[in-house]
N, C-alpha and C. Protein backbone atom coordinates (compact mmCIF):
# COMPACT_ATOMS: atom_id res chain seq x y z
N UNK A 1 -23.63 -33.82 -59.44
CA UNK A 1 -22.56 -33.06 -58.82
C UNK A 1 -23.16 -31.84 -58.14
N UNK A 2 -22.80 -31.61 -56.90
CA UNK A 2 -23.32 -30.48 -56.13
C UNK A 2 -22.84 -29.16 -56.72
N UNK A 3 -23.64 -28.12 -56.51
CA UNK A 3 -23.22 -26.77 -56.87
C UNK A 3 -22.47 -26.20 -55.68
N UNK A 4 -21.23 -25.77 -55.89
CA UNK A 4 -20.36 -25.28 -54.82
C UNK A 4 -20.23 -23.77 -54.91
N UNK A 5 -20.37 -23.11 -53.76
CA UNK A 5 -20.26 -21.65 -53.68
C UNK A 5 -19.27 -21.32 -52.57
N UNK A 6 -18.14 -20.69 -52.85
CA UNK A 6 -17.66 -20.30 -54.18
C UNK A 6 -17.06 -21.49 -54.92
N UNK A 7 -16.92 -21.34 -56.20
CA UNK A 7 -16.24 -22.32 -57.04
C UNK A 7 -15.29 -21.59 -57.95
N UNK A 8 -14.04 -21.95 -57.96
CA UNK A 8 -13.41 -22.98 -57.16
C UNK A 8 -13.26 -22.55 -55.70
N UNK A 9 -12.82 -23.49 -54.89
CA UNK A 9 -12.66 -23.25 -53.46
C UNK A 9 -11.61 -22.17 -53.21
N UNK A 10 -11.91 -21.30 -52.25
CA UNK A 10 -10.93 -20.29 -51.85
C UNK A 10 -9.78 -20.96 -51.09
N UNK A 11 -8.59 -20.38 -51.10
CA UNK A 11 -7.46 -20.99 -50.39
C UNK A 11 -7.76 -21.16 -48.90
N UNK A 12 -7.32 -22.28 -48.35
CA UNK A 12 -7.45 -22.55 -46.92
C UNK A 12 -6.28 -23.41 -46.46
N UNK A 13 -5.91 -23.27 -45.21
CA UNK A 13 -4.86 -24.10 -44.65
C UNK A 13 -5.43 -25.40 -44.08
N UNK A 14 -6.74 -25.54 -44.06
CA UNK A 14 -7.40 -26.70 -43.46
C UNK A 14 -7.50 -27.86 -44.46
N UNK A 15 -6.76 -28.92 -44.19
CA UNK A 15 -6.84 -30.12 -45.02
C UNK A 15 -8.23 -30.74 -44.90
N UNK A 16 -8.80 -30.70 -43.70
CA UNK A 16 -10.14 -31.27 -43.49
C UNK A 16 -11.17 -30.55 -44.37
N UNK A 17 -11.11 -29.24 -44.44
CA UNK A 17 -12.06 -28.49 -45.27
C UNK A 17 -11.86 -28.80 -46.75
N UNK A 18 -10.62 -28.89 -47.19
CA UNK A 18 -10.35 -29.21 -48.60
C UNK A 18 -10.92 -30.58 -48.96
N UNK A 19 -10.70 -31.56 -48.08
CA UNK A 19 -11.18 -32.92 -48.34
C UNK A 19 -12.71 -32.96 -48.38
N UNK A 20 -13.35 -32.26 -47.45
CA UNK A 20 -14.81 -32.22 -47.45
C UNK A 20 -15.35 -31.53 -48.70
N UNK A 21 -14.76 -30.41 -49.06
CA UNK A 21 -15.19 -29.66 -50.25
C UNK A 21 -15.15 -30.58 -51.48
N UNK A 22 -14.03 -31.26 -51.67
CA UNK A 22 -13.89 -32.16 -52.82
C UNK A 22 -14.89 -33.31 -52.75
N UNK A 23 -15.10 -33.85 -51.54
CA UNK A 23 -16.05 -34.94 -51.38
C UNK A 23 -17.48 -34.51 -51.67
N UNK A 24 -17.88 -33.34 -51.17
CA UNK A 24 -19.23 -32.84 -51.46
C UNK A 24 -19.41 -32.62 -52.96
N UNK A 25 -18.42 -32.02 -53.59
CA UNK A 25 -18.48 -31.73 -55.02
C UNK A 25 -18.70 -33.02 -55.83
N UNK A 26 -17.96 -34.06 -55.48
CA UNK A 26 -18.00 -35.30 -56.25
C UNK A 26 -19.16 -36.22 -55.88
N UNK A 27 -19.60 -36.21 -54.62
CA UNK A 27 -20.53 -37.23 -54.17
C UNK A 27 -21.97 -36.78 -53.97
N UNK A 28 -22.22 -35.48 -53.81
CA UNK A 28 -23.60 -35.02 -53.65
C UNK A 28 -24.24 -34.77 -55.00
N UNK A 29 -25.54 -34.95 -55.06
CA UNK A 29 -26.28 -34.79 -56.31
C UNK A 29 -26.48 -33.34 -56.70
N UNK A 30 -27.02 -33.15 -57.91
CA UNK A 30 -27.23 -31.82 -58.49
C UNK A 30 -28.14 -30.93 -57.66
N UNK A 31 -29.02 -31.52 -56.86
CA UNK A 31 -29.99 -30.73 -56.10
C UNK A 31 -29.38 -30.07 -54.86
N UNK A 32 -28.16 -30.41 -54.52
CA UNK A 32 -27.49 -29.82 -53.35
C UNK A 32 -26.72 -28.56 -53.73
N UNK A 33 -26.77 -27.57 -52.83
CA UNK A 33 -25.93 -26.38 -52.95
C UNK A 33 -25.10 -26.34 -51.67
N UNK A 34 -23.78 -26.27 -51.83
CA UNK A 34 -22.86 -26.28 -50.70
C UNK A 34 -22.13 -24.94 -50.66
N UNK A 35 -22.32 -24.21 -49.57
CA UNK A 35 -21.64 -22.92 -49.38
C UNK A 35 -20.46 -23.15 -48.45
N UNK A 36 -19.30 -22.65 -48.83
CA UNK A 36 -18.09 -22.82 -48.02
C UNK A 36 -17.70 -21.50 -47.38
N UNK A 37 -17.33 -21.56 -46.12
CA UNK A 37 -16.82 -20.41 -45.37
C UNK A 37 -17.84 -19.27 -45.31
N UNK A 38 -18.93 -19.52 -44.60
CA UNK A 38 -20.06 -18.58 -44.51
C UNK A 38 -19.96 -17.77 -43.21
N UNK A 39 -19.80 -16.45 -43.35
CA UNK A 39 -19.77 -15.57 -42.18
C UNK A 39 -21.18 -15.40 -41.62
N UNK A 40 -21.28 -15.29 -40.30
CA UNK A 40 -22.57 -15.03 -39.66
C UNK A 40 -22.39 -14.07 -38.50
N UNK A 41 -23.50 -13.38 -38.16
CA UNK A 41 -23.52 -12.47 -37.02
C UNK A 41 -24.82 -12.71 -36.27
N UNK A 42 -24.72 -12.90 -34.96
CA UNK A 42 -25.88 -13.02 -34.09
C UNK A 42 -25.84 -11.88 -33.10
N UNK A 43 -27.02 -11.41 -32.74
CA UNK A 43 -27.07 -10.35 -31.75
C UNK A 43 -28.11 -10.70 -30.70
N UNK A 44 -27.64 -10.85 -29.48
CA UNK A 44 -28.54 -11.13 -28.37
C UNK A 44 -28.33 -10.08 -27.30
N UNK A 45 -29.38 -9.36 -26.98
CA UNK A 45 -29.32 -8.30 -25.99
C UNK A 45 -28.27 -7.24 -26.35
N UNK A 46 -28.16 -6.95 -27.63
CA UNK A 46 -27.27 -5.88 -28.07
C UNK A 46 -25.80 -6.26 -28.13
N UNK A 47 -25.47 -7.51 -27.90
CA UNK A 47 -24.08 -7.97 -27.94
C UNK A 47 -23.85 -8.79 -29.20
N UNK A 48 -23.39 -8.15 -30.29
CA UNK A 48 -23.18 -8.92 -31.52
C UNK A 48 -22.02 -9.90 -31.37
N UNK A 49 -22.22 -11.07 -31.95
CA UNK A 49 -21.19 -12.11 -31.95
C UNK A 49 -21.00 -12.56 -33.38
N UNK A 50 -19.75 -12.54 -33.85
CA UNK A 50 -19.44 -12.94 -35.22
C UNK A 50 -18.84 -14.33 -35.22
N UNK A 51 -19.05 -15.03 -36.32
CA UNK A 51 -18.47 -16.35 -36.47
C UNK A 51 -18.44 -16.75 -37.93
N UNK A 52 -18.07 -17.98 -38.16
CA UNK A 52 -17.97 -18.49 -39.52
C UNK A 52 -18.34 -19.97 -39.49
N UNK A 53 -19.20 -20.37 -40.41
CA UNK A 53 -19.54 -21.78 -40.59
C UNK A 53 -18.68 -22.31 -41.72
N UNK A 54 -18.05 -23.45 -41.50
CA UNK A 54 -17.20 -24.01 -42.56
C UNK A 54 -18.03 -24.38 -43.79
N UNK A 55 -19.19 -25.01 -43.57
CA UNK A 55 -20.05 -25.40 -44.68
C UNK A 55 -21.51 -25.22 -44.30
N UNK A 56 -22.31 -24.74 -45.25
CA UNK A 56 -23.76 -24.75 -45.14
C UNK A 56 -24.24 -25.52 -46.37
N UNK A 57 -24.92 -26.63 -46.12
CA UNK A 57 -25.38 -27.50 -47.19
C UNK A 57 -26.90 -27.38 -47.28
N UNK A 58 -27.41 -27.03 -48.45
CA UNK A 58 -28.84 -26.81 -48.64
C UNK A 58 -29.40 -27.77 -49.68
N UNK A 59 -30.61 -28.27 -49.40
CA UNK A 59 -31.31 -29.17 -50.30
C UNK A 59 -32.80 -28.82 -50.24
N UNK A 60 -33.50 -28.76 -51.37
CA UNK A 60 -34.89 -28.31 -51.35
C UNK A 60 -35.84 -29.19 -50.53
N UNK A 61 -35.54 -30.45 -50.37
CA UNK A 61 -36.40 -31.35 -49.60
C UNK A 61 -35.79 -31.71 -48.25
N UNK A 62 -34.50 -31.95 -48.22
CA UNK A 62 -33.84 -32.40 -46.99
C UNK A 62 -33.57 -31.28 -46.00
N UNK A 63 -33.53 -30.02 -46.47
CA UNK A 63 -33.32 -28.89 -45.57
C UNK A 63 -31.91 -28.36 -45.61
N UNK A 64 -31.48 -27.81 -44.46
CA UNK A 64 -30.19 -27.13 -44.35
C UNK A 64 -29.37 -27.76 -43.23
N UNK A 65 -28.08 -27.95 -43.49
CA UNK A 65 -27.14 -28.48 -42.50
C UNK A 65 -25.97 -27.51 -42.39
N UNK A 66 -25.64 -27.10 -41.18
CA UNK A 66 -24.47 -26.26 -40.94
C UNK A 66 -23.40 -27.16 -40.34
N UNK A 67 -22.20 -27.14 -40.93
CA UNK A 67 -21.16 -28.09 -40.56
C UNK A 67 -19.86 -27.37 -40.21
N UNK A 68 -19.29 -27.73 -39.10
CA UNK A 68 -17.97 -27.24 -38.68
C UNK A 68 -16.99 -28.39 -38.87
N UNK A 69 -15.99 -28.19 -39.72
CA UNK A 69 -15.01 -29.24 -40.01
C UNK A 69 -13.88 -29.20 -38.98
N UNK A 70 -13.51 -30.34 -38.48
CA UNK A 70 -12.39 -30.46 -37.55
C UNK A 70 -11.45 -31.54 -38.08
N UNK A 71 -10.17 -31.23 -38.06
CA UNK A 71 -9.17 -32.19 -38.46
C UNK A 71 -8.28 -32.51 -37.28
N UNK A 72 -7.38 -33.41 -37.46
CA UNK A 72 -6.47 -33.77 -36.38
C UNK A 72 -7.13 -34.73 -35.40
N UNK A 73 -6.65 -34.70 -34.19
CA UNK A 73 -7.17 -35.61 -33.16
C UNK A 73 -8.13 -34.87 -32.24
N UNK A 74 -9.18 -35.56 -31.86
CA UNK A 74 -10.17 -35.01 -30.95
C UNK A 74 -10.20 -35.88 -29.70
N UNK A 75 -10.41 -35.23 -28.56
CA UNK A 75 -10.63 -36.00 -27.33
C UNK A 75 -11.65 -35.27 -26.48
N UNK A 76 -12.34 -36.05 -25.68
CA UNK A 76 -13.39 -35.51 -24.83
C UNK A 76 -13.02 -35.78 -23.37
N UNK A 77 -13.14 -34.74 -22.53
CA UNK A 77 -12.90 -34.88 -21.10
C UNK A 77 -14.27 -34.89 -20.40
N UNK A 78 -14.73 -36.07 -19.97
CA UNK A 78 -16.06 -36.14 -19.37
C UNK A 78 -16.17 -35.39 -18.05
N UNK A 79 -15.05 -35.20 -17.35
CA UNK A 79 -15.12 -34.50 -16.06
C UNK A 79 -15.44 -33.01 -16.24
N UNK A 80 -14.97 -32.42 -17.35
CA UNK A 80 -15.26 -31.01 -17.63
C UNK A 80 -16.31 -30.84 -18.73
N UNK A 81 -16.67 -31.97 -19.37
CA UNK A 81 -17.63 -31.96 -20.48
C UNK A 81 -17.15 -31.06 -21.61
N UNK A 82 -15.84 -31.14 -21.92
CA UNK A 82 -15.25 -30.30 -22.97
C UNK A 82 -14.53 -31.18 -24.00
N UNK A 83 -14.54 -30.69 -25.25
CA UNK A 83 -13.81 -31.32 -26.34
C UNK A 83 -12.50 -30.58 -26.57
N UNK A 84 -11.46 -31.31 -26.99
CA UNK A 84 -10.16 -30.73 -27.29
C UNK A 84 -9.67 -31.25 -28.61
N UNK A 85 -9.00 -30.37 -29.37
CA UNK A 85 -8.48 -30.72 -30.68
C UNK A 85 -6.98 -30.48 -30.70
N UNK A 86 -6.25 -31.36 -31.38
CA UNK A 86 -4.81 -31.15 -31.57
C UNK A 86 -4.44 -31.61 -32.98
N UNK A 87 -3.41 -31.00 -33.52
CA UNK A 87 -2.92 -31.39 -34.84
C UNK A 87 -3.64 -30.76 -35.97
């Protein structure tokens, strides 16, 4: 069972995040650490930009994966090369 940070999960309105959190907890092995709702700040040329990663998954051999959870329907417009989410 993965180690989840924080545990238990903080409240969220995202069904997709809740489902992923529960899935990671139940299906990943003990060597995984899964961080939920990780704030980050980047600064390029003095312009700080803040954001949040839904999940950061760490493993001593496999490395680190940053994951953004999306729920609902997704569609891609090839003419503008943009993704859109609804629901």
